[in-house]
Amino acid sequence: MPSPSPLWRGSAPLLLASTSPTRRALLASAGLDPETRSPGVDERAVEAQAAGLSPVDLAGRLAEAKAAAVAVQAPDRVVIGADQVLDLDGTVFHKPADRAGAAAHLARLQGRTHALHSAVALAVDGAVVERFVATARLTMRALDEAGIAAYLDAAGPAVTGSVGAYQLEGAGIHLFDRIEGDHSTILGLPLLALLARLRERGLLAF
């Protein structure tokens, strides 16, 4: 279990219902060194059950499912669940299975603006007490097949690890003309909004 943070006022360290190194690093950068735990949630099953929901509401439902799954295991902990949905005009994208899938994603995204909906659910005393969604909008450059292939060569296997086949903190930054939204939202955890809610609950030192 991580050492207590001087900023954290919970009785035990914050528990992140995710094994995402990026989300953990965002919290650690803010002085909150969370414990992480895999929620073990079947995301595609949750998505199937949530058929008909908007991409924004789907992101919230996924985050809530993850927070709830871990909160049941640790009812005495403050738990954060998070998820992100890529939305291109109402169509939800998933992580590509391989390079060909990544190329297909990029061919659809190039020259257009898509949304990243980053959702957070907060669980206290074994139950989810609130959730929220922050959205960023990203406009990808127009790319031909040669440009997509050059990017895939530069990015390497990491393209299958992210929705949309890109990571802004890596070679993916070359794909974009314009980005609107908070950087932490783009990375999958809207940190300013989350810290504000933790502060409202008396869980932060200031």
N, C-alpha and C. Protein backbone atom coordinates (compact mmCIF):
# COMPACT_ATOMS: atom_id res chain seq x y z
N MET A 1 0.85 -1.19 0.00
CA MET A 1 0.00 0.00 0.00
C MET A 1 0.89 1.24 0.00
N PRO A 2 0.58 2.26 -0.83
CA PRO A 2 1.41 3.46 -0.89
C PRO A 2 1.47 4.17 0.46
N SER A 3 2.53 4.94 0.64
CA SER A 3 2.65 5.75 1.85
C SER A 3 1.61 6.85 1.83
N PRO A 4 1.09 7.25 3.01
CA PRO A 4 0.09 8.31 3.05
C PRO A 4 0.63 9.62 2.46
N SER A 5 -0.21 10.31 1.72
CA SER A 5 0.16 11.61 1.16
C SER A 5 -0.23 12.70 2.15
N PRO A 6 0.61 13.73 2.32
CA PRO A 6 0.25 14.82 3.21
C PRO A 6 -0.96 15.62 2.71
N LEU A 7 -1.32 15.44 1.45
CA LEU A 7 -2.47 16.15 0.90
C LEU A 7 -3.79 15.40 1.12
N TRP A 8 -3.69 14.11 1.37
CA TRP A 8 -4.88 13.25 1.41
C TRP A 8 -5.41 13.15 2.84
N ARG A 9 -6.72 13.32 2.98
CA ARG A 9 -7.34 13.30 4.31
C ARG A 9 -8.21 12.07 4.54
N GLY A 10 -8.19 11.11 3.62
CA GLY A 10 -8.92 9.87 3.82
C GLY A 10 -8.24 9.01 4.86
N SER A 11 -8.99 8.09 5.45
CA SER A 11 -8.44 7.22 6.49
C SER A 11 -7.51 6.16 5.92
N ALA A 12 -7.59 5.92 4.61
CA ALA A 12 -6.70 4.99 3.90
C ALA A 12 -6.39 5.61 2.55
N PRO A 13 -5.31 5.20 1.90
CA PRO A 13 -4.96 5.80 0.61
C PRO A 13 -6.09 5.68 -0.41
N LEU A 14 -6.14 6.62 -1.29
CA LEU A 14 -7.10 6.62 -2.39
C LEU A 14 -6.94 5.34 -3.19
N LEU A 15 -8.06 4.76 -3.62
CA LEU A 15 -8.03 3.51 -4.36
C LEU A 15 -8.54 3.77 -5.78
N LEU A 16 -7.70 3.53 -6.77
CA LEU A 16 -8.03 3.74 -8.17
C LEU A 16 -8.44 2.41 -8.79
N ALA A 17 -9.68 2.36 -9.28
CA ALA A 17 -10.21 1.13 -9.88
C ALA A 17 -9.75 1.03 -11.33
N SER A 18 -8.46 0.95 -11.49
CA SER A 18 -7.85 0.92 -12.82
C SER A 18 -6.39 0.53 -12.66
N THR A 19 -5.87 -0.15 -13.67
CA THR A 19 -4.43 -0.44 -13.68
C THR A 19 -3.73 0.42 -14.73
N SER A 20 -4.41 1.47 -15.19
CA SER A 20 -3.81 2.37 -16.19
C SER A 20 -2.63 3.12 -15.59
N PRO A 21 -1.44 2.94 -16.14
CA PRO A 21 -0.28 3.69 -15.60
C PRO A 21 -0.43 5.20 -15.82
N THR A 22 -1.14 5.59 -16.88
CA THR A 22 -1.32 7.02 -17.14
C THR A 22 -2.20 7.65 -16.07
N ARG A 23 -3.32 7.02 -15.73
CA ARG A 23 -4.20 7.58 -14.70
C ARG A 23 -3.50 7.60 -13.34
N ARG A 24 -2.77 6.56 -13.04
CA ARG A 24 -2.05 6.54 -11.77
C ARG A 24 -1.01 7.66 -11.73
N ALA A 25 -0.31 7.87 -12.85
CA ALA A 25 0.71 8.91 -12.90
C ALA A 25 0.11 10.30 -12.74
N LEU A 26 -1.08 10.51 -13.30
CA LEU A 26 -1.75 11.81 -13.15
C LEU A 26 -2.05 12.09 -11.68
N LEU A 27 -2.58 11.10 -10.97
CA LEU A 27 -2.87 11.27 -9.54
C LEU A 27 -1.59 11.45 -8.74
N ALA A 28 -0.57 10.69 -9.09
CA ALA A 28 0.71 10.81 -8.37
C ALA A 28 1.32 12.19 -8.59
N SER A 29 1.16 12.73 -9.79
CA SER A 29 1.72 14.05 -10.09
C SER A 29 1.04 15.14 -9.26
N ALA A 30 -0.19 14.86 -8.84
CA ALA A 30 -0.94 15.81 -8.01
C ALA A 30 -0.71 15.56 -6.51
N GLY A 31 0.25 14.71 -6.20
CA GLY A 31 0.57 14.44 -4.80
C GLY A 31 -0.31 13.40 -4.14
N LEU A 32 -1.10 12.69 -4.93
CA LEU A 32 -1.96 11.63 -4.40
C LEU A 32 -1.46 10.31 -4.98
N ASP A 33 -0.77 9.54 -4.18
CA ASP A 33 -0.19 8.29 -4.67
C ASP A 33 -1.19 7.18 -4.40
N PRO A 34 -2.03 6.85 -5.38
CA PRO A 34 -3.12 5.90 -5.09
C PRO A 34 -2.67 4.45 -5.13
N GLU A 35 -3.43 3.63 -4.44
CA GLU A 35 -3.34 2.19 -4.65
C GLU A 35 -4.19 1.89 -5.87
N THR A 36 -3.78 0.94 -6.70
CA THR A 36 -4.55 0.58 -7.88
C THR A 36 -5.06 -0.85 -7.77
N ARG A 37 -6.22 -1.07 -8.34
CA ARG A 37 -6.80 -2.41 -8.35
C ARG A 37 -7.61 -2.58 -9.63
N SER A 38 -7.44 -3.70 -10.30
CA SER A 38 -8.21 -3.97 -11.51
C SER A 38 -9.67 -4.21 -11.15
N PRO A 39 -10.61 -3.53 -11.83
CA PRO A 39 -12.02 -3.74 -11.50
C PRO A 39 -12.59 -5.04 -12.05
N GLY A 40 -11.91 -5.63 -13.03
CA GLY A 40 -12.40 -6.89 -13.58
C GLY A 40 -13.75 -6.77 -14.27
N VAL A 41 -14.01 -5.62 -14.88
CA VAL A 41 -15.29 -5.37 -15.54
C VAL A 41 -15.19 -5.70 -17.02
N ASP A 42 -16.18 -6.42 -17.54
CA ASP A 42 -16.26 -6.72 -18.97
C ASP A 42 -16.87 -5.50 -19.66
N GLU A 43 -16.03 -4.66 -20.24
CA GLU A 43 -16.49 -3.40 -20.81
C GLU A 43 -17.48 -3.61 -21.94
N ARG A 44 -17.24 -4.60 -22.78
CA ARG A 44 -18.15 -4.83 -23.90
C ARG A 44 -19.51 -5.32 -23.40
N ALA A 45 -19.54 -6.08 -22.31
CA ALA A 45 -20.82 -6.52 -21.75
C ALA A 45 -21.59 -5.33 -21.19
N VAL A 46 -20.88 -4.43 -20.50
CA VAL A 46 -21.54 -3.22 -19.99
C VAL A 46 -22.07 -2.40 -21.15
N GLU A 47 -21.29 -2.29 -22.21
CA GLU A 47 -21.72 -1.52 -23.38
C GLU A 47 -22.96 -2.14 -24.01
N ALA A 48 -23.00 -3.47 -24.09
CA ALA A 48 -24.17 -4.14 -24.67
C ALA A 48 -25.42 -3.87 -23.84
N GLN A 49 -25.26 -3.90 -22.51
CA GLN A 49 -26.39 -3.64 -21.63
C GLN A 49 -26.85 -2.18 -21.70
N ALA A 50 -25.92 -1.30 -22.10
CA ALA A 50 -26.21 0.13 -22.16
C ALA A 50 -26.57 0.57 -23.57
N ALA A 51 -26.99 -0.37 -24.42
CA ALA A 51 -27.32 -0.04 -25.81
C ALA A 51 -28.35 1.09 -25.84
N GLY A 52 -28.10 2.06 -26.70
CA GLY A 52 -29.01 3.19 -26.81
C GLY A 52 -28.56 4.42 -26.06
N LEU A 53 -27.61 4.25 -25.14
CA LEU A 53 -27.08 5.41 -24.43
C LEU A 53 -26.21 6.25 -25.35
N SER A 54 -26.14 7.53 -25.09
CA SER A 54 -25.22 8.39 -25.84
C SER A 54 -23.79 8.03 -25.46
N PRO A 55 -22.79 8.39 -26.28
CA PRO A 55 -21.40 8.13 -25.91
C PRO A 55 -21.02 8.75 -24.57
N VAL A 56 -21.55 9.94 -24.26
CA VAL A 56 -21.27 10.58 -22.97
C VAL A 56 -21.80 9.73 -21.82
N ASP A 57 -23.04 9.28 -21.94
CA ASP A 57 -23.63 8.47 -20.87
C ASP A 57 -22.97 7.10 -20.78
N LEU A 58 -22.54 6.56 -21.91
CA LEU A 58 -21.82 5.28 -21.89
C LEU A 58 -20.53 5.41 -21.10
N ALA A 59 -19.79 6.49 -21.32
CA ALA A 59 -18.55 6.70 -20.56
C ALA A 59 -18.84 6.72 -19.07
N GLY A 60 -19.90 7.43 -18.67
CA GLY A 60 -20.27 7.48 -17.26
C GLY A 60 -20.66 6.12 -16.72
N ARG A 61 -21.40 5.36 -17.51
CA ARG A 61 -21.83 4.03 -17.06
C ARG A 61 -20.63 3.11 -16.85
N LEU A 62 -19.65 3.18 -17.75
CA LEU A 62 -18.46 2.34 -17.62
C LEU A 62 -17.66 2.72 -16.38
N ALA A 63 -17.48 4.02 -16.16
CA ALA A 63 -16.74 4.46 -14.97
C ALA A 63 -17.45 4.03 -13.70
N GLU A 64 -18.76 4.14 -13.70
CA GLU A 64 -19.54 3.75 -12.52
C GLU A 64 -19.43 2.25 -12.25
N ALA A 65 -19.47 1.45 -13.32
CA ALA A 65 -19.36 0.01 -13.15
C ALA A 65 -18.02 -0.37 -12.53
N LYS A 66 -16.96 0.30 -12.95
CA LYS A 66 -15.63 0.00 -12.42
C LYS A 66 -15.50 0.42 -10.96
N ALA A 67 -16.00 1.62 -10.64
CA ALA A 67 -15.93 2.08 -9.25
C ALA A 67 -16.75 1.16 -8.35
N ALA A 68 -17.93 0.77 -8.80
CA ALA A 68 -18.81 -0.07 -7.99
C ALA A 68 -18.19 -1.45 -7.75
N ALA A 69 -17.54 -2.00 -8.77
CA ALA A 69 -16.95 -3.34 -8.64
C ALA A 69 -15.86 -3.36 -7.57
N VAL A 70 -15.04 -2.33 -7.52
CA VAL A 70 -13.97 -2.28 -6.53
C VAL A 70 -14.50 -1.84 -5.17
N ALA A 71 -15.50 -0.96 -5.15
CA ALA A 71 -16.06 -0.50 -3.88
C ALA A 71 -16.69 -1.63 -3.09
N VAL A 72 -17.26 -2.62 -3.78
CA VAL A 72 -17.83 -3.79 -3.10
C VAL A 72 -16.74 -4.57 -2.38
N GLN A 73 -15.56 -4.63 -2.99
CA GLN A 73 -14.44 -5.34 -2.38
C GLN A 73 -13.80 -4.56 -1.24
N ALA A 74 -13.91 -3.23 -1.29
CA ALA A 74 -13.25 -2.37 -0.30
C ALA A 74 -14.22 -1.27 0.14
N PRO A 75 -15.26 -1.63 0.90
CA PRO A 75 -16.28 -0.64 1.26
C PRO A 75 -15.80 0.46 2.19
N ASP A 76 -14.64 0.27 2.80
CA ASP A 76 -14.12 1.28 3.72
C ASP A 76 -13.18 2.27 3.03
N ARG A 77 -13.07 2.18 1.70
CA ARG A 77 -12.13 3.01 0.96
C ARG A 77 -12.86 4.00 0.06
N VAL A 78 -12.18 5.11 -0.24
CA VAL A 78 -12.64 6.02 -1.28
C VAL A 78 -12.10 5.49 -2.60
N VAL A 79 -13.02 5.22 -3.54
CA VAL A 79 -12.66 4.56 -4.79
C VAL A 79 -12.98 5.46 -5.97
N ILE A 80 -12.07 5.51 -6.92
CA ILE A 80 -12.29 6.25 -8.17
C ILE A 80 -12.31 5.25 -9.32
N GLY A 81 -13.38 5.30 -10.10
CA GLY A 81 -13.45 4.55 -11.35
C GLY A 81 -13.39 5.52 -12.50
N ALA A 82 -12.78 5.13 -13.60
CA ALA A 82 -12.65 6.04 -14.74
C ALA A 82 -12.72 5.27 -16.05
N ASP A 83 -13.24 5.94 -17.05
CA ASP A 83 -13.25 5.36 -18.40
C ASP A 83 -13.28 6.49 -19.41
N GLN A 84 -12.94 6.15 -20.64
CA GLN A 84 -12.93 7.14 -21.71
C GLN A 84 -13.54 6.53 -22.96
N VAL A 85 -14.36 7.32 -23.64
CA VAL A 85 -15.01 6.89 -24.88
C VAL A 85 -14.63 7.86 -25.99
N LEU A 86 -14.19 7.31 -27.11
CA LEU A 86 -13.93 8.12 -28.30
C LEU A 86 -15.19 8.11 -29.15
N ASP A 87 -15.65 9.30 -29.50
CA ASP A 87 -16.93 9.50 -30.16
C ASP A 87 -16.72 10.28 -31.44
N LEU A 88 -16.97 9.64 -32.57
CA LEU A 88 -16.92 10.31 -33.87
C LEU A 88 -18.34 10.41 -34.40
N ASP A 89 -18.95 11.57 -34.20
CA ASP A 89 -20.33 11.80 -34.67
C ASP A 89 -21.29 10.72 -34.21
N GLY A 90 -21.15 10.31 -32.95
CA GLY A 90 -22.06 9.33 -32.37
C GLY A 90 -21.60 7.89 -32.47
N THR A 91 -20.53 7.63 -33.21
CA THR A 91 -19.98 6.28 -33.31
C THR A 91 -18.85 6.12 -32.30
N VAL A 92 -18.94 5.05 -31.49
CA VAL A 92 -17.95 4.78 -30.46
C VAL A 92 -16.85 3.88 -31.02
N PHE A 93 -15.61 4.28 -30.78
CA PHE A 93 -14.45 3.49 -31.22
C PHE A 93 -13.89 2.70 -30.03
N HIS A 94 -13.30 1.54 -30.34
CA HIS A 94 -12.60 0.74 -29.35
C HIS A 94 -11.13 0.64 -29.73
N LYS A 95 -10.33 0.06 -28.87
CA LYS A 95 -8.91 -0.12 -29.19
C LYS A 95 -8.78 -1.02 -30.40
N PRO A 96 -7.92 -0.68 -31.35
CA PRO A 96 -7.73 -1.55 -32.52
C PRO A 96 -7.01 -2.84 -32.12
N ALA A 97 -7.34 -3.91 -32.81
CA ALA A 97 -6.75 -5.20 -32.48
C ALA A 97 -5.34 -5.35 -33.04
N ASP A 98 -5.05 -4.66 -34.12
CA ASP A 98 -3.76 -4.83 -34.78
C ASP A 98 -3.46 -3.59 -35.64
N ARG A 99 -2.35 -3.63 -36.36
CA ARG A 99 -1.94 -2.48 -37.17
C ARG A 99 -2.99 -2.15 -38.23
N ALA A 100 -3.56 -3.18 -38.85
CA ALA A 100 -4.58 -2.93 -39.88
C ALA A 100 -5.79 -2.23 -39.28
N GLY A 101 -6.18 -2.64 -38.07
CA GLY A 101 -7.29 -1.98 -37.40
C GLY A 101 -6.96 -0.54 -37.04
N ALA A 102 -5.72 -0.30 -36.63
CA ALA A 102 -5.29 1.06 -36.32
C ALA A 102 -5.33 1.94 -37.57
N ALA A 103 -4.88 1.40 -38.69
CA ALA A 103 -4.91 2.15 -39.95
C ALA A 103 -6.35 2.49 -40.35
N ALA A 104 -7.26 1.54 -40.13
CA ALA A 104 -8.66 1.77 -40.47
C ALA A 104 -9.25 2.87 -39.59
N HIS A 105 -8.91 2.87 -38.30
CA HIS A 105 -9.38 3.92 -37.40
C HIS A 105 -8.89 5.29 -37.88
N LEU A 106 -7.62 5.37 -38.17
CA LEU A 106 -7.03 6.64 -38.57
C LEU A 106 -7.61 7.14 -39.89
N ALA A 107 -7.92 6.21 -40.79
CA ALA A 107 -8.51 6.60 -42.07
C ALA A 107 -9.88 7.24 -41.85
N ARG A 108 -10.60 6.81 -40.83
CA ARG A 108 -11.91 7.40 -40.54
C ARG A 108 -11.79 8.71 -39.76
N LEU A 109 -10.77 8.82 -38.92
CA LEU A 109 -10.61 10.00 -38.08
C LEU A 109 -9.91 11.16 -38.79
N GLN A 110 -9.10 10.85 -39.80
CA GLN A 110 -8.28 11.90 -40.43
C GLN A 110 -9.17 12.97 -41.06
N GLY A 111 -8.74 14.23 -40.87
CA GLY A 111 -9.46 15.35 -41.44
C GLY A 111 -10.75 15.72 -40.73
N ARG A 112 -11.02 15.08 -39.59
CA ARG A 112 -12.29 15.31 -38.90
C ARG A 112 -12.03 15.59 -37.41
N THR A 113 -13.07 16.08 -36.74
CA THR A 113 -13.00 16.34 -35.30
C THR A 113 -13.77 15.27 -34.55
N HIS A 114 -13.10 14.68 -33.55
CA HIS A 114 -13.78 13.70 -32.70
C HIS A 114 -13.72 14.15 -31.25
N ALA A 115 -14.53 13.52 -30.43
CA ALA A 115 -14.60 13.87 -29.01
C ALA A 115 -14.06 12.73 -28.17
N LEU A 116 -13.38 13.10 -27.11
CA LEU A 116 -12.98 12.15 -26.07
C LEU A 116 -13.77 12.50 -24.82
N HIS A 117 -14.64 11.58 -24.39
CA HIS A 117 -15.43 11.77 -23.18
C HIS A 117 -14.76 10.99 -22.05
N SER A 118 -14.21 11.70 -21.08
CA SER A 118 -13.52 11.07 -19.95
C SER A 118 -14.42 11.15 -18.72
N ALA A 119 -14.79 10.00 -18.22
CA ALA A 119 -15.74 9.92 -17.11
C ALA A 119 -15.06 9.45 -15.83
N VAL A 120 -15.55 9.96 -14.70
CA VAL A 120 -15.08 9.55 -13.38
C VAL A 120 -16.28 9.26 -12.51
N ALA A 121 -16.20 8.17 -11.75
CA ALA A 121 -17.21 7.85 -10.74
C ALA A 121 -16.50 7.74 -9.40
N LEU A 122 -17.12 8.31 -8.37
CA LEU A 122 -16.54 8.32 -7.03
C LEU A 122 -17.41 7.48 -6.11
N ALA A 123 -16.78 6.52 -5.44
CA ALA A 123 -17.50 5.65 -4.50
C ALA A 123 -16.99 5.90 -3.08
N VAL A 124 -17.92 6.02 -2.15
CA VAL A 124 -17.62 6.21 -0.73
C VAL A 124 -18.50 5.26 0.07
N ASP A 125 -17.92 4.63 1.09
CA ASP A 125 -18.68 3.70 1.93
C ASP A 125 -19.36 2.60 1.13
N GLY A 126 -18.65 2.12 0.09
CA GLY A 126 -19.13 0.96 -0.65
C GLY A 126 -20.12 1.24 -1.75
N ALA A 127 -20.43 2.53 -2.02
CA ALA A 127 -21.41 2.85 -3.05
C ALA A 127 -20.98 4.07 -3.85
N VAL A 128 -21.34 4.08 -5.12
CA VAL A 128 -21.04 5.24 -5.97
C VAL A 128 -21.92 6.41 -5.55
N VAL A 129 -21.30 7.55 -5.27
CA VAL A 129 -22.04 8.72 -4.79
C VAL A 129 -22.16 9.81 -5.85
N GLU A 130 -21.29 9.79 -6.85
CA GLU A 130 -21.42 10.75 -7.94
C GLU A 130 -20.55 10.32 -9.11
N ARG A 131 -20.92 10.87 -10.27
CA ARG A 131 -20.10 10.67 -11.46
C ARG A 131 -20.21 11.91 -12.32
N PHE A 132 -19.19 12.13 -13.15
CA PHE A 132 -19.19 13.27 -14.05
C PHE A 132 -18.36 12.94 -15.28
N VAL A 133 -18.57 13.72 -16.33
CA VAL A 133 -17.88 13.50 -17.60
C VAL A 133 -17.33 14.83 -18.09
N ALA A 134 -16.07 14.84 -18.51
CA ALA A 134 -15.46 15.99 -19.16
C ALA A 134 -15.12 15.60 -20.60
N THR A 135 -15.26 16.55 -21.51
CA THR A 135 -15.07 16.25 -22.93
C THR A 135 -13.99 17.14 -23.54
N ALA A 136 -13.15 16.53 -24.34
CA ALA A 136 -12.16 17.25 -25.15
C ALA A 136 -12.46 16.96 -26.62
N ARG A 137 -12.11 17.91 -27.48
CA ARG A 137 -12.35 17.73 -28.92
C ARG A 137 -11.02 17.87 -29.66
N LEU A 138 -10.77 16.92 -30.54
CA LEU A 138 -9.48 16.86 -31.24
C LEU A 138 -9.73 16.81 -32.74
N THR A 139 -9.04 17.68 -33.47
CA THR A 139 -9.16 17.72 -34.92
C THR A 139 -7.89 17.15 -35.53
N MET A 140 -8.07 16.05 -36.26
CA MET A 140 -6.92 15.36 -36.86
C MET A 140 -6.60 15.95 -38.22
N ARG A 141 -5.34 16.04 -38.53
CA ARG A 141 -4.89 16.48 -39.85
C ARG A 141 -5.42 15.55 -40.94
N ALA A 142 -5.54 16.09 -42.15
CA ALA A 142 -5.84 15.24 -43.31
C ALA A 142 -4.61 14.38 -43.60
N LEU A 143 -4.82 13.08 -43.68
CA LEU A 143 -3.70 12.15 -43.89
C LEU A 143 -4.04 11.19 -45.03
N ASP A 144 -3.06 10.94 -45.90
CA ASP A 144 -3.25 9.91 -46.93
C ASP A 144 -2.68 8.59 -46.41
N GLU A 145 -2.76 7.56 -47.22
CA GLU A 145 -2.31 6.23 -46.78
C GLU A 145 -0.83 6.25 -46.40
N ALA A 146 -0.03 7.00 -47.16
CA ALA A 146 1.41 7.05 -46.87
C ALA A 146 1.65 7.74 -45.52
N GLY A 147 0.91 8.80 -45.24
CA GLY A 147 1.05 9.48 -43.97
C GLY A 147 0.64 8.61 -42.79
N ILE A 148 -0.44 7.87 -42.96
CA ILE A 148 -0.89 6.96 -41.90
C ILE A 148 0.16 5.88 -41.67
N ALA A 149 0.71 5.34 -42.76
CA ALA A 149 1.73 4.29 -42.63
C ALA A 149 2.98 4.83 -41.93
N ALA A 150 3.37 6.06 -42.26
CA ALA A 150 4.55 6.65 -41.62
C ALA A 150 4.32 6.84 -40.13
N TYR A 151 3.12 7.28 -39.76
CA TYR A 151 2.81 7.42 -38.34
C TYR A 151 2.84 6.07 -37.64
N LEU A 152 2.24 5.06 -38.24
CA LEU A 152 2.20 3.73 -37.61
C LEU A 152 3.62 3.17 -37.44
N ASP A 153 4.49 3.44 -38.39
CA ASP A 153 5.88 3.01 -38.26
C ASP A 153 6.54 3.71 -37.07
N ALA A 154 6.27 5.01 -36.93
CA ALA A 154 6.90 5.78 -35.86
C ALA A 154 6.35 5.40 -34.49
N ALA A 155 5.05 5.15 -34.40
CA ALA A 155 4.41 4.87 -33.11
C ALA A 155 4.65 3.44 -32.65
N GLY A 156 4.77 2.51 -33.57
CA GLY A 156 5.03 1.13 -33.21
C GLY A 156 3.85 0.43 -32.57
N PRO A 157 4.11 -0.62 -31.78
CA PRO A 157 3.04 -1.43 -31.21
C PRO A 157 2.10 -0.67 -30.28
N ALA A 158 2.51 0.50 -29.81
CA ALA A 158 1.67 1.27 -28.88
C ALA A 158 0.34 1.66 -29.50
N VAL A 159 0.21 1.59 -30.82
CA VAL A 159 -1.03 2.03 -31.46
C VAL A 159 -2.22 1.15 -31.07
N THR A 160 -1.96 -0.09 -30.66
CA THR A 160 -3.07 -0.96 -30.27
C THR A 160 -3.45 -0.80 -28.80
N GLY A 161 -2.73 0.05 -28.09
CA GLY A 161 -2.98 0.20 -26.66
C GLY A 161 -3.90 1.34 -26.30
N SER A 162 -4.34 2.11 -27.31
CA SER A 162 -5.17 3.28 -27.04
C SER A 162 -6.32 3.35 -28.03
N VAL A 163 -7.46 3.81 -27.54
CA VAL A 163 -8.59 4.07 -28.42
C VAL A 163 -8.18 5.14 -29.43
N GLY A 164 -8.49 4.92 -30.70
CA GLY A 164 -8.11 5.87 -31.73
C GLY A 164 -6.73 5.64 -32.30
N ALA A 165 -5.98 4.72 -31.71
CA ALA A 165 -4.65 4.34 -32.20
C ALA A 165 -3.62 5.43 -32.04
N TYR A 166 -3.78 6.29 -31.03
CA TYR A 166 -2.78 7.32 -30.80
C TYR A 166 -2.62 7.61 -29.32
N GLN A 167 -1.46 8.13 -28.96
CA GLN A 167 -1.17 8.63 -27.62
C GLN A 167 -0.56 10.02 -27.79
N LEU A 168 -1.24 11.02 -27.24
CA LEU A 168 -0.75 12.39 -27.40
C LEU A 168 0.60 12.61 -26.75
N GLU A 169 0.89 11.83 -25.72
CA GLU A 169 2.17 11.98 -25.04
C GLU A 169 3.30 11.30 -25.81
N GLY A 170 2.99 10.77 -26.98
CA GLY A 170 3.98 10.14 -27.84
C GLY A 170 3.88 10.67 -29.26
N ALA A 171 4.11 9.79 -30.22
CA ALA A 171 4.10 10.21 -31.62
C ALA A 171 2.73 10.68 -32.09
N GLY A 172 1.69 10.35 -31.35
CA GLY A 172 0.34 10.75 -31.73
C GLY A 172 0.14 12.25 -31.82
N ILE A 173 0.97 13.03 -31.16
CA ILE A 173 0.83 14.49 -31.20
C ILE A 173 0.97 15.01 -32.63
N HIS A 174 1.69 14.29 -33.49
CA HIS A 174 1.90 14.73 -34.87
C HIS A 174 0.63 14.64 -35.72
N LEU A 175 -0.39 13.94 -35.22
CA LEU A 175 -1.59 13.71 -36.02
C LEU A 175 -2.54 14.90 -36.05
N PHE A 176 -2.37 15.87 -35.14
CA PHE A 176 -3.44 16.82 -34.89
C PHE A 176 -3.13 18.25 -35.33
N ASP A 177 -4.20 18.91 -35.81
CA ASP A 177 -4.16 20.34 -36.13
C ASP A 177 -4.60 21.18 -34.94
N ARG A 178 -5.61 20.70 -34.20
CA ARG A 178 -6.20 21.49 -33.12
C ARG A 178 -6.70 20.57 -32.02
N ILE A 179 -6.50 21.02 -30.78
CA ILE A 179 -6.96 20.26 -29.61
C ILE A 179 -7.65 21.24 -28.67
N GLU A 180 -8.87 20.92 -28.29
CA GLU A 180 -9.65 21.75 -27.38
C GLU A 180 -10.01 20.92 -26.16
N GLY A 181 -9.48 21.30 -25.00
CA GLY A 181 -9.80 20.57 -23.79
C GLY A 181 -8.59 20.42 -22.90
N ASP A 182 -8.87 20.09 -21.66
CA ASP A 182 -7.82 19.93 -20.66
C ASP A 182 -6.97 18.70 -20.98
N HIS A 183 -5.66 18.84 -20.78
CA HIS A 183 -4.74 17.75 -21.13
C HIS A 183 -5.05 16.48 -20.35
N SER A 184 -5.38 16.60 -19.06
CA SER A 184 -5.67 15.40 -18.27
C SER A 184 -6.95 14.72 -18.74
N THR A 185 -7.90 15.50 -19.25
CA THR A 185 -9.11 14.91 -19.82
C THR A 185 -8.76 14.06 -21.03
N ILE A 186 -7.88 14.57 -21.87
CA ILE A 186 -7.45 13.82 -23.05
C ILE A 186 -6.75 12.53 -22.64
N LEU A 187 -6.01 12.57 -21.54
CA LEU A 187 -5.29 11.38 -21.07
C LEU A 187 -6.19 10.40 -20.32
N GLY A 188 -7.44 10.80 -20.05
CA GLY A 188 -8.39 9.83 -19.48
C GLY A 188 -8.79 10.03 -18.04
N LEU A 189 -8.37 11.16 -17.43
CA LEU A 189 -8.76 11.43 -16.04
C LEU A 189 -8.84 12.94 -15.84
N PRO A 190 -10.03 13.53 -15.92
CA PRO A 190 -10.15 14.99 -15.78
C PRO A 190 -9.80 15.45 -14.37
N LEU A 191 -8.54 15.81 -14.20
CA LEU A 191 -7.96 15.97 -12.87
C LEU A 191 -8.51 17.18 -12.12
N LEU A 192 -8.68 18.31 -12.79
CA LEU A 192 -9.16 19.50 -12.09
C LEU A 192 -10.55 19.28 -11.51
N ALA A 193 -11.43 18.70 -12.30
CA ALA A 193 -12.79 18.44 -11.82
C ALA A 193 -12.79 17.40 -10.70
N LEU A 194 -11.94 16.40 -10.81
CA LEU A 194 -11.86 15.37 -9.77
C LEU A 194 -11.35 15.96 -8.46
N LEU A 195 -10.29 16.76 -8.53
CA LEU A 195 -9.74 17.36 -7.31
C LEU A 195 -10.77 18.28 -6.65
N ALA A 196 -11.54 18.99 -7.45
CA ALA A 196 -12.57 19.86 -6.88
C ALA A 196 -13.60 19.05 -6.09
N ARG A 197 -13.99 17.92 -6.61
CA ARG A 197 -14.98 17.08 -5.91
C ARG A 197 -14.40 16.44 -4.66
N LEU A 198 -13.15 16.04 -4.71
CA LEU A 198 -12.52 15.50 -3.50
C LEU A 198 -12.39 16.58 -2.44
N ARG A 199 -12.09 17.79 -2.88
CA ARG A 199 -11.97 18.92 -1.95
C ARG A 199 -13.31 19.23 -1.29
N GLU A 200 -14.38 19.18 -2.07
CA GLU A 200 -15.72 19.44 -1.52
C GLU A 200 -16.09 18.43 -0.43
N ARG A 201 -15.56 17.23 -0.52
CA ARG A 201 -15.86 16.20 0.46
C ARG A 201 -14.88 16.18 1.62
N GLY A 202 -14.00 17.18 1.67
CA GLY A 202 -13.06 17.27 2.77
C GLY A 202 -11.95 16.25 2.72
N LEU A 203 -11.67 15.74 1.53
CA LEU A 203 -10.68 14.68 1.39
C LEU A 203 -9.28 15.19 1.04
N LEU A 204 -9.16 16.49 0.81
CA LEU A 204 -7.87 17.07 0.49
C LEU A 204 -7.51 18.14 1.53
N ALA A 205 -6.22 18.36 1.72
CA ALA A 205 -5.76 19.26 2.77
C ALA A 205 -6.11 20.72 2.49
N PHE A 206 -6.23 21.08 1.21
CA PHE A 206 -6.58 22.47 0.87
C PHE A 206 -7.17 22.52 -0.53
